[in-house]
């Protein structure tokens, strides 16, 4: 398992900011496809999506703004 994580860490280090944004865009497109196939997901309250956003973005925001170098 450690070798697999090391392998992918070395691969990700090759990415530029442009590559990362392309991956983000593809993830958004996958999410739109899933929403198209399962329209019941769109009936979920907006606040569940806001809560998920806060949970997912907590660590990156902490690392970006609060943690000292």
PDB file of N, CA and C in Angstrom:
ATOM      1  N   UNK A   1       0.825  -1.200   0.000  1.00  0.00           N
ATOM      2  CA  UNK A   1       0.000   0.000   0.000  1.00  0.00           C
ATOM      3  C   UNK A   1       0.866   1.259   0.000  1.00  0.00           C
ATOM      4  N   UNK A   2       1.951   1.228   0.741  1.00  0.00           N
ATOM      5  CA  UNK A   2       2.843   2.383   0.807  1.00  0.00           C
ATOM      6  C   UNK A   2       3.459   2.666  -0.557  1.00  0.00           C
ATOM      7  N   UNK A   3       3.803   1.609  -1.289  1.00  0.00           N
ATOM      8  CA  UNK A   3       4.379   1.804  -2.624  1.00  0.00           C
ATOM      9  C   UNK A   3       3.381   2.453  -3.564  1.00  0.00           C
ATOM     10  N   UNK A   4       2.117   2.084  -3.428  1.00  0.00           N
ATOM     11  CA  UNK A   4       1.082   2.657  -4.279  1.00  0.00           C
ATOM     12  C   UNK A   4       0.900   4.146  -3.992  1.00  0.00           C
ATOM     13  N   UNK A   5       0.877   4.510  -2.713  1.00  0.00           N
ATOM     14  CA  UNK A   5       0.748   5.921  -2.338  1.00  0.00           C
ATOM     15  C   UNK A   5       1.966   6.703  -2.812  1.00  0.00           C
ATOM     16  N   UNK A   6       3.149   6.150  -2.650  1.00  0.00           N
ATOM     17  CA  UNK A   6       4.375   6.807  -3.115  1.00  0.00           C
ATOM     18  C   UNK A   6       4.349   6.988  -4.629  1.00  0.00           C
ATOM     19  N   UNK A   7       3.889   5.977  -5.333  1.00  0.00           N
ATOM     20  CA  UNK A   7       3.799   6.062  -6.793  1.00  0.00           C
ATOM     21  C   UNK A   7       2.910   7.224  -7.210  1.00  0.00           C
ATOM     22  N   UNK A   8       1.703   7.306  -6.626  1.00  0.00           N
ATOM     23  CA  UNK A   8       0.781   8.372  -7.014  1.00  0.00           C
ATOM     24  C   UNK A   8       1.236   9.738  -6.526  1.00  0.00           C
ATOM     25  N   UNK A   9       1.900   9.818  -5.387  1.00  0.00           N
ATOM     26  CA  UNK A   9       2.458  11.098  -4.943  1.00  0.00           C
ATOM     27  C   UNK A   9       3.495  11.608  -5.936  1.00  0.00           C
ATOM     28  N   UNK A  10       4.327  10.726  -6.443  1.00  0.00           N
ATOM     29  CA  UNK A  10       5.324  11.127  -7.431  1.00  0.00           C
ATOM     30  C   UNK A  10       4.663  11.574  -8.733  1.00  0.00           C
ATOM     31  N   UNK A  11       3.572  10.932  -9.104  1.00  0.00           N
ATOM     32  CA  UNK A  11       2.851  11.323 -10.323  1.00  0.00           C
ATOM     33  C   UNK A  11       2.198  12.693 -10.158  1.00  0.00           C
ATOM     34  N   UNK A  12       1.599  12.944  -9.011  1.00  0.00           N
ATOM     35  CA  UNK A  12       0.891  14.198  -8.777  1.00  0.00           C
ATOM     36  C   UNK A  12       1.869  15.369  -8.717  1.00  0.00           C
ATOM     37  N   UNK A  13       3.084  15.133  -8.284  1.00  0.00           N
ATOM     38  CA  UNK A  13       4.085  16.207  -8.220  1.00  0.00           C
ATOM     39  C   UNK A  13       4.404  16.765  -9.599  1.00  0.00           C
ATOM     40  N   UNK A  14       4.091  16.026 -10.645  1.00  0.00           N
ATOM     41  CA  UNK A  14       4.332  16.500 -12.014  1.00  0.00           C
ATOM     42  C   UNK A  14       3.272  17.494 -12.476  1.00  0.00           C
ATOM     43  N   UNK A  15       2.144  17.555 -11.782  1.00  0.00           N
ATOM     44  CA  UNK A  15       1.029  18.400 -12.219  1.00  0.00           C
ATOM     45  C   UNK A  15       1.355  19.873 -12.050  1.00  0.00           C
ATOM     46  N   UNK A  16       0.921  20.659 -13.022  1.00  0.00           N
ATOM     47  CA  UNK A  16       0.967  22.100 -12.897  1.00  0.00           C
ATOM     48  C   UNK A  16      -0.404  22.572 -12.429  1.00  0.00           C
ATOM     49  N   UNK A  17      -0.554  23.852 -12.169  1.00  0.00           N
ATOM     50  CA  UNK A  17      -1.844  24.383 -11.741  1.00  0.00           C
ATOM     51  C   UNK A  17      -2.885  24.174 -12.842  1.00  0.00           C
ATOM     52  N   UNK A  18      -2.469  24.257 -14.093  1.00  0.00           N
ATOM     53  CA  UNK A  18      -3.378  24.021 -15.212  1.00  0.00           C
ATOM     54  C   UNK A  18      -3.914  22.595 -15.192  1.00  0.00           C
ATOM     55  N   UNK A  19      -3.041  21.624 -14.913  1.00  0.00           N
ATOM     56  CA  UNK A  19      -3.466  20.219 -14.844  1.00  0.00           C
ATOM     57  C   UNK A  19      -4.457  20.000 -13.699  1.00  0.00           C
ATOM     58  N   UNK A  20      -4.201  20.628 -12.570  1.00  0.00           N
ATOM     59  CA  UNK A  20      -5.094  20.487 -11.424  1.00  0.00           C
ATOM     60  C   UNK A  20      -6.462  21.067 -11.746  1.00  0.00           C
ATOM     61  N   UNK A  21      -6.493  22.207 -12.430  1.00  0.00           N
ATOM     62  CA  UNK A  21      -7.772  22.812 -12.815  1.00  0.00           C
ATOM     63  C   UNK A  21      -8.512  21.939 -13.822  1.00  0.00           C
ATOM     64  N   UNK A  22      -7.788  21.277 -14.723  1.00  0.00           N
ATOM     65  CA  UNK A  22      -8.432  20.352 -15.645  1.00  0.00           C
ATOM     66  C   UNK A  22      -9.069  19.178 -14.897  1.00  0.00           C
ATOM     67  N   UNK A  23      -8.386  18.670 -13.887  1.00  0.00           N
ATOM     68  CA  UNK A  23      -8.944  17.586 -13.076  1.00  0.00           C
ATOM     69  C   UNK A  23     -10.197  18.070 -12.340  1.00  0.00           C
ATOM     70  N   UNK A  24     -10.165  19.284 -11.806  1.00  0.00           N
ATOM     71  CA  UNK A  24     -11.343  19.840 -11.145  1.00  0.00           C
ATOM     72  C   UNK A  24     -12.507  19.967 -12.121  1.00  0.00           C
ATOM     73  N   UNK A  25     -12.230  20.430 -13.315  1.00  0.00           N
ATOM     74  CA  UNK A  25     -13.277  20.558 -14.318  1.00  0.00           C
ATOM     75  C   UNK A  25     -13.875  19.218 -14.690  1.00  0.00           C
ATOM     76  N   UNK A  26     -13.036  18.204 -14.829  1.00  0.00           N
ATOM     77  CA  UNK A  26     -13.559  16.879 -15.156  1.00  0.00           C
ATOM     78  C   UNK A  26     -14.395  16.321 -14.010  1.00  0.00           C
ATOM     79  N   UNK A  27     -14.018  16.613 -12.780  1.00  0.00           N
ATOM     80  CA  UNK A  27     -14.828  16.168 -11.641  1.00  0.00           C
ATOM     81  C   UNK A  27     -16.188  16.853 -11.637  1.00  0.00           C
ATOM     82  N   UNK A  28     -16.227  18.128 -12.006  1.00  0.00           N
ATOM     83  CA  UNK A  28     -17.512  18.825 -12.090  1.00  0.00           C
ATOM     84  C   UNK A  28     -18.384  18.229 -13.182  1.00  0.00           C
ATOM     85  N   UNK A  29     -17.788  17.865 -14.296  1.00  0.00           N
ATOM     86  CA  UNK A  29     -18.555  17.266 -15.387  1.00  0.00           C
ATOM     87  C   UNK A  29     -19.102  15.904 -14.971  1.00  0.00           C
ATOM     88  N   UNK A  30     -18.306  15.112 -14.259  1.00  0.00           N
ATOM     89  CA  UNK A  30     -18.788  13.830 -13.746  1.00  0.00           C
ATOM     90  C   UNK A  30     -19.966  14.057 -12.789  1.00  0.00           C
ATOM     91  N   UNK A  31     -19.877  15.073 -11.946  1.00  0.00           N
ATOM     92  CA  UNK A  31     -20.970  15.380 -11.029  1.00  0.00           C
ATOM     93  C   UNK A  31     -22.236  15.767 -11.796  1.00  0.00           C
ATOM     94  N   UNK A  32     -22.089  16.528 -12.871  1.00  0.00           N
ATOM     95  CA  UNK A  32     -23.248  16.891 -13.685  1.00  0.00           C
ATOM     96  C   UNK A  32     -23.862  15.667 -14.367  1.00  0.00           C
ATOM     97  N   UNK A  33     -23.033  14.754 -14.822  1.00  0.00           N
ATOM     98  CA  UNK A  33     -23.543  13.527 -15.440  1.00  0.00           C
ATOM     99  C   UNK A  33     -24.317  12.703 -14.414  1.00  0.00           C
ATOM    100  N   UNK A  34     -23.777  12.579 -13.204  1.00  0.00           N
ATOM    101  CA  UNK A  34     -24.476  11.842 -12.146  1.00  0.00           C
ATOM    102  C   UNK A  34     -25.796  12.516 -11.819  1.00  0.00           C
ATOM    103  N   UNK A  35     -25.807  13.843 -11.752  1.00  0.00           N
ATOM    104  CA  UNK A  35     -27.045  14.571 -11.471  1.00  0.00           C
ATOM    105  C   UNK A  35     -28.060  14.373 -12.593  1.00  0.00           C
ATOM    106  N   UNK A  36     -27.579  14.234 -13.810  1.00  0.00           N
ATOM    107  CA  UNK A  36     -28.480  14.008 -14.946  1.00  0.00           C
ATOM    108  C   UNK A  36     -29.093  12.612 -14.885  1.00  0.00           C
ATOM    109  N   UNK A  37     -28.308  11.619 -14.472  1.00  0.00           N
ATOM    110  CA  UNK A  37     -28.811  10.255 -14.367  1.00  0.00           C
ATOM    111  C   UNK A  37     -29.692  10.048 -13.137  1.00  0.00           C
ATOM    112  N   UNK A  38     -29.426  10.788 -12.055  1.00  0.00           N
ATOM    113  CA  UNK A  38     -30.176  10.639 -10.805  1.00  0.00           C
ATOM    114  C   UNK A  38     -30.743  12.008 -10.438  1.00  0.00           C
ATOM    115  N   UNK A  39     -31.833  12.425 -11.045  1.00  0.00           N
ATOM    116  CA  UNK A  39     -32.356  13.765 -10.793  1.00  0.00           C
ATOM    117  C   UNK A  39     -32.887  13.969  -9.371  1.00  0.00           C
ATOM    118  N   UNK A  40     -33.109  12.885  -8.634  1.00  0.00           N
ATOM    119  CA  UNK A  40     -33.553  13.022  -7.255  1.00  0.00           C
ATOM    120  C   UNK A  40     -32.504  13.706  -6.385  1.00  0.00           C
ATOM    121  N   UNK A  41     -31.244  13.674  -6.810  1.00  0.00           N
ATOM    122  CA  UNK A  41     -30.181  14.352  -6.059  1.00  0.00           C
ATOM    123  C   UNK A  41     -30.400  15.859  -6.023  1.00  0.00           C
ATOM    124  N   UNK A  42     -31.048  16.382  -7.059  1.00  0.00           N
ATOM    125  CA  UNK A  42     -31.280  17.819  -7.117  1.00  0.00           C
ATOM    126  C   UNK A  42     -32.406  18.265  -6.189  1.00  0.00           C
ATOM    127  N   UNK A  43     -33.173  17.313  -5.657  1.00  0.00           N
ATOM    128  CA  UNK A  43     -34.255  17.641  -4.730  1.00  0.00           C
ATOM    129  C   UNK A  43     -33.761  17.790  -3.297  1.00  0.00           C
ATOM    130  N   UNK A  44     -32.494  17.474  -3.056  1.00  0.00           N
ATOM    131  CA  UNK A  44     -31.911  17.593  -1.719  1.00  0.00           C
ATOM    132  C   UNK A  44     -31.815  19.079  -1.359  1.00  0.00           C
ATOM    133  N   UNK A  45     -32.024  19.369  -0.089  1.00  0.00           N
ATOM    134  CA  UNK A  45     -31.956  20.744   0.375  1.00  0.00           C
ATOM    135  C   UNK A  45     -30.570  21.344   0.106  1.00  0.00           C
ATOM    136  N   UNK A  46     -30.567  22.617  -0.222  1.00  0.00           N
ATOM    137  CA  UNK A  46     -29.329  23.331  -0.501  1.00  0.00           C
ATOM    138  C   UNK A  46     -28.383  23.291   0.694  1.00  0.00           C
ATOM    139  N   UNK A  47     -28.916  23.275   1.890  1.00  0.00           N
ATOM    140  CA  UNK A  47     -28.086  23.318   3.094  1.00  0.00           C
ATOM    141  C   UNK A  47     -27.236  22.065   3.275  1.00  0.00           C
ATOM    142  N   UNK A  48     -27.656  20.934   2.736  1.00  0.00           N
ATOM    143  CA  UNK A  48     -26.818  19.735   2.778  1.00  0.00           C
ATOM    144  C   UNK A  48     -25.578  19.933   1.908  1.00  0.00           C
ATOM    145  N   UNK A  49     -25.769  20.580   0.762  1.00  0.00           N
ATOM    146  CA  UNK A  49     -24.618  20.859  -0.103  1.00  0.00           C
ATOM    147  C   UNK A  49     -23.681  21.879   0.535  1.00  0.00           C
ATOM    148  N   UNK A  50     -24.254  22.860   1.215  1.00  0.00           N
ATOM    149  CA  UNK A  50     -23.429  23.859   1.906  1.00  0.00           C
ATOM    150  C   UNK A  50     -22.630  23.184   3.024  1.00  0.00           C
ATOM    151  N   UNK A  51     -23.266  22.292   3.773  1.00  0.00           N
ATOM    152  CA  UNK A  51     -22.572  21.578   4.848  1.00  0.00           C
ATOM    153  C   UNK A  51     -21.439  20.717   4.280  1.00  0.00           C
ATOM    154  N   UNK A  52     -21.698  20.041   3.172  1.00  0.00           N
ATOM    155  CA  UNK A  52     -20.657  19.226   2.536  1.00  0.00           C
ATOM    156  C   UNK A  52     -19.498  20.100   2.056  1.00  0.00           C
ATOM    157  N   UNK A  53     -19.821  21.271   1.525  1.00  0.00           N
ATOM    158  CA  UNK A  53     -18.780  22.203   1.081  1.00  0.00           C
ATOM    159  C   UNK A  53     -17.900  22.650   2.241  1.00  0.00           C
ATOM    160  N   UNK A  54     -18.512  22.967   3.370  1.00  0.00           N
ATOM    161  CA  UNK A  54     -17.745  23.396   4.546  1.00  0.00           C
ATOM    162  C   UNK A  54     -16.841  22.273   5.037  1.00  0.00           C
ATOM    163  N   UNK A  55     -17.361  21.062   5.076  1.00  0.00           N
ATOM    164  CA  UNK A  55     -16.567  19.921   5.553  1.00  0.00           C
ATOM    165  C   UNK A  55     -15.390  19.647   4.623  1.00  0.00           C
ATOM    166  N   UNK A  56     -15.648  19.673   3.325  1.00  0.00           N
ATOM    167  CA  UNK A  56     -14.596  19.352   2.355  1.00  0.00           C
ATOM    168  C   UNK A  56     -13.545  20.449   2.278  1.00  0.00           C
ATOM    169  N   UNK A  57     -13.947  21.697   2.452  1.00  0.00           N
ATOM    170  CA  UNK A  57     -12.993  22.794   2.282  1.00  0.00           C
ATOM    171  C   UNK A  57     -12.315  23.234   3.574  1.00  0.00           C
ATOM    172  N   UNK A  58     -12.650  22.631   4.697  1.00  0.00           N
ATOM    173  CA  UNK A  58     -12.090  23.068   5.977  1.00  0.00           C
ATOM    174  C   UNK A  58     -10.563  22.920   6.015  1.00  0.00           C
ATOM    175  N   UNK A  59     -10.053  21.758   5.696  1.00  0.00           N
ATOM    176  CA  UNK A  59      -8.603  21.544   5.774  1.00  0.00           C
ATOM    177  C   UNK A  59      -7.831  22.397   4.760  1.00  0.00           C
ATOM    178  N   UNK A  60      -8.243  22.432   3.484  1.00  0.00           N
ATOM    179  CA  UNK A  60      -7.495  23.300   2.566  1.00  0.00           C
ATOM    180  C   UNK A  60      -7.488  24.766   2.990  1.00  0.00           C
ATOM    181  N   UNK A  61      -8.601  25.248   3.504  1.00  0.00           N
ATOM    182  CA  UNK A  61      -8.648  26.643   3.955  1.00  0.00           C
ATOM    183  C   UNK A  61      -7.736  26.850   5.167  1.00  0.00           C
ATOM    184  N   UNK A  62      -7.708  25.890   6.071  1.00  0.00           N
ATOM    185  CA  UNK A  62      -6.816  25.975   7.230  1.00  0.00           C
ATOM    186  C   UNK A  62      -5.360  26.022   6.779  1.00  0.00           C
ATOM    187  N   UNK A  63      -5.001  25.126   5.867  1.00  0.00           N
ATOM    188  CA  UNK A  63      -3.617  25.090   5.395  1.00  0.00           C
ATOM    189  C   UNK A  63      -3.241  26.353   4.634  1.00  0.00           C
ATOM    190  N   UNK A  64      -4.207  26.920   3.917  1.00  0.00           N
ATOM    191  CA  UNK A  64      -3.921  28.086   3.099  1.00  0.00           C
ATOM    192  C   UNK A  64      -3.788  29.364   3.941  1.00  0.00           C
ATOM    193  N   UNK A  65      -4.679  29.560   4.907  1.00  0.00           N
ATOM    194  CA  UNK A  65      -4.747  30.845   5.585  1.00  0.00           C
ATOM    195  C   UNK A  65      -4.309  30.836   7.047  1.00  0.00           C
ATOM    196  N   UNK A  66      -4.503  29.769   7.776  1.00  0.00           N
ATOM    197  CA  UNK A  66      -4.276  29.808   9.217  1.00  0.00           C
ATOM    198  C   UNK A  66      -2.920  29.234   9.647  1.00  0.00           C
ATOM    199  N   UNK A  67      -2.455  28.233   8.967  1.00  0.00           N
ATOM    200  CA  UNK A  67      -1.217  27.562   9.393  1.00  0.00           C
ATOM    201  C   UNK A  67       0.001  28.390   8.992  1.00  0.00           C
ATOM    202  N   UNK A  68       0.904  28.581   9.930  1.00  0.00           N
ATOM    203  CA  UNK A  68       2.138  29.312   9.654  1.00  0.00           C
ATOM    204  C   UNK A  68       3.116  28.425   8.908  1.00  0.00           C
ATOM    205  N   UNK A  69       3.940  29.008   8.049  1.00  0.00           N
ATOM    206  CA  UNK A  69       4.914  28.208   7.296  1.00  0.00           C
ATOM    207  C   UNK A  69       6.006  27.640   8.145  1.00  0.00           C
TER     208      UNK A  69
END
